[in-house]
C-alpha atoms as a PDB file:
ATOM      1  CA  UNK A   1     -12.519  -7.628 134.548  1.00  0.00           C
ATOM      2  CA  UNK A   2     -13.761  -4.746 133.275  1.00  0.00           C
ATOM      3  CA  UNK A   3     -12.721  -1.544 133.648  1.00  0.00           C
ATOM      4  CA  UNK A   4     -14.946   1.341 135.065  1.00  0.00           C
ATOM      5  CA  UNK A   5     -16.230   3.891 132.806  1.00  0.00           C
ATOM      6  CA  UNK A   6     -14.957   7.564 133.106  1.00  0.00           C
ATOM      7  CA  UNK A   7     -17.496   9.951 131.893  1.00  0.00           C
ATOM      8  CA  UNK A   8     -15.642  13.571 131.370  1.00  0.00           C
ATOM      9  CA  UNK A   9     -18.906  15.734 131.576  1.00  0.00           C
ATOM     10  CA  UNK A  10     -22.528  14.908 132.702  1.00  0.00           C
ATOM     11  CA  UNK A  11     -23.901  15.198 129.518  1.00  0.00           C
ATOM     12  CA  UNK A  12     -21.785  12.159 128.348  1.00  0.00           C
ATOM     13  CA  UNK A  13     -23.568  10.112 131.209  1.00  0.00           C
ATOM     14  CA  UNK A  14     -26.400   7.989 129.453  1.00  0.00           C
ATOM     15  CA  UNK A  15     -29.834   9.038 130.840  1.00  0.00           C
ATOM     16  CA  UNK A  16     -30.619   5.833 132.840  1.00  0.00           C
ATOM     17  CA  UNK A  17     -27.350   6.356 134.602  1.00  0.00           C
ATOM     18  CA  UNK A  18     -28.389   9.682 136.124  1.00  0.00           C
ATOM     19  CA  UNK A  19     -29.499  10.276 139.306  1.00  0.00           C
ATOM     20  CA  UNK A  20     -32.214  12.040 138.847  1.00  0.00           C
ATOM     21  CA  UNK A  21     -33.555   8.957 136.311  1.00  0.00           C
ATOM     22  CA  UNK A  22     -32.897   6.580 139.113  1.00  0.00           C
ATOM     23  CA  UNK A  23     -35.037   8.280 141.381  1.00  0.00           C
ATOM     24  CA  UNK A  24     -38.051   8.243 139.225  1.00  0.00           C
ATOM     25  CA  UNK A  25     -37.510   4.457 138.436  1.00  0.00           C
ATOM     26  CA  UNK A  26     -37.423   3.965 142.772  1.00  0.00           C
ATOM     27  CA  UNK A  27     -40.562   5.998 142.565  1.00  0.00           C
ATOM     28  CA  UNK A  28     -42.574   4.489 139.507  1.00  0.00           C
ATOM     29  CA  UNK A  29     -40.586   1.074 138.236  1.00  0.00           C
ATOM     30  CA  UNK A  30     -38.370  -0.460 140.521  1.00  0.00           C
ATOM     31  CA  UNK A  31     -37.546  -3.301 138.563  1.00  0.00           C
ATOM     32  CA  UNK A  32     -36.064  -1.215 136.068  1.00  0.00           C
ATOM     33  CA  UNK A  33     -33.836   0.439 139.161  1.00  0.00           C
ATOM     34  CA  UNK A  34     -32.550  -3.089 140.399  1.00  0.00           C
ATOM     35  CA  UNK A  35     -31.358  -3.703 136.973  1.00  0.00           C
ATOM     36  CA  UNK A  36     -29.875  -0.719 136.476  1.00  0.00           C
ATOM     37  CA  UNK A  37     -28.179  -1.057 139.718  1.00  0.00           C
ATOM     38  CA  UNK A  38     -27.019  -4.451 139.070  1.00  0.00           C
ATOM     39  CA  UNK A  39     -25.344  -3.475 135.697  1.00  0.00           C
ATOM     40  CA  UNK A  40     -23.037  -0.811 136.930  1.00  0.00           C
ATOM     41  CA  UNK A  41     -22.946   2.733 138.589  1.00  0.00           C
ATOM     42  CA  UNK A  42     -25.515   5.654 138.561  1.00  0.00           C
ATOM     43  CA  UNK A  43     -23.527   8.922 138.289  1.00  0.00           C
ATOM     44  CA  UNK A  44     -24.524  12.623 139.599  1.00  0.00           C
ATOM     45  CA  UNK A  45     -22.554  15.892 139.436  1.00  0.00           C
ATOM     46  CA  UNK A  46     -20.942  17.477 142.307  1.00  0.00           C
ATOM     47  CA  UNK A  47     -18.939  20.457 142.199  1.00  0.00           C
ATOM     48  CA  UNK A  48     -18.257  20.187 138.537  1.00  0.00           C
ATOM     49  CA  UNK A  49     -16.872  16.630 138.329  1.00  0.00           C
ATOM     50  CA  UNK A  50     -18.864  13.650 137.191  1.00  0.00           C
ATOM     51  CA  UNK A  51     -19.245  11.191 139.974  1.00  0.00           C
ATOM     52  CA  UNK A  52     -20.526   7.769 140.856  1.00  0.00           C
ATOM     53  CA  UNK A  53     -23.513   8.081 143.732  1.00  0.00           C
ATOM     54  CA  UNK A  54     -21.731   6.530 147.041  1.00  0.00           C
ATOM     55  CA  UNK A  55     -22.266   2.790 148.129  1.00  0.00           C
ATOM     56  CA  UNK A  56     -24.491   3.805 151.278  1.00  0.00           C
ATOM     57  CA  UNK A  57     -27.139   5.856 148.485  1.00  0.00           C
ATOM     58  CA  UNK A  58     -26.927   2.516 146.109  1.00  0.00           C
ATOM     59  CA  UNK A  59     -27.754   0.310 148.971  1.00  0.00           C
ATOM     60  CA  UNK A  60     -30.690   2.409 150.295  1.00  0.00           C
ATOM     61  CA  UNK A  61     -31.799   2.592 146.440  1.00  0.00           C
ATOM     62  CA  UNK A  62     -31.583  -1.458 146.228  1.00  0.00           C
ATOM     63  CA  UNK A  63     -33.509  -1.822 149.456  1.00  0.00           C
ATOM     64  CA  UNK A  64     -36.149   0.770 148.664  1.00  0.00           C
ATOM     65  CA  UNK A  65     -36.693  -0.958 144.797  1.00  0.00           C
ATOM     66  CA  UNK A  66     -36.902  -4.407 147.016  1.00  0.00           C
ATOM     67  CA  UNK A  67     -39.732  -3.273 149.305  1.00  0.00           C
ATOM     68  CA  UNK A  68     -41.631  -1.178 146.356  1.00  0.00           C
ATOM     69  CA  UNK A  69     -41.741  -4.503 144.689  1.00  0.00           C
ATOM     70  CA  UNK A  70     -42.835  -6.707 147.880  1.00  0.00           C
ATOM     71  CA  UNK A  71     -45.579  -4.339 148.034  1.00  0.00           C
ATOM     72  CA  UNK A  72     -46.807  -4.539 144.731  1.00  0.00           C
ATOM     73  CA  UNK A  73     -46.742  -8.029 144.672  1.00  0.00           C
ATOM     74  CA  UNK A  74     -48.442  -8.348 147.986  1.00  0.00           C
ATOM     75  CA  UNK A  75     -51.477  -5.448 146.736  1.00  0.00           C
ATOM     76  CA  UNK A  76     -51.748  -7.993 143.575  1.00  0.00           C
ATOM     77  CA  UNK A  77     -51.994 -11.104 145.567  1.00  0.00           C
ATOM     78  CA  UNK A  78     -54.894  -9.462 147.409  1.00  0.00           C
END
């Protein structure tokens, strides 16, 4: 089993694991967001500490990403 990654500062977090990048992916490229969520956590800085987003936020992002993909395929098929 792989150990969770612990980041000392928010600057150490890779860009594709930051909350703002996840929001941009959710709006513009949902498949990338789903891949990022599948392969690990999304991080944010809260009270000066680096923490991962809560489980409910991850579930919401997955649902929004899936809905976006379904809508895109619906438009392409019509």
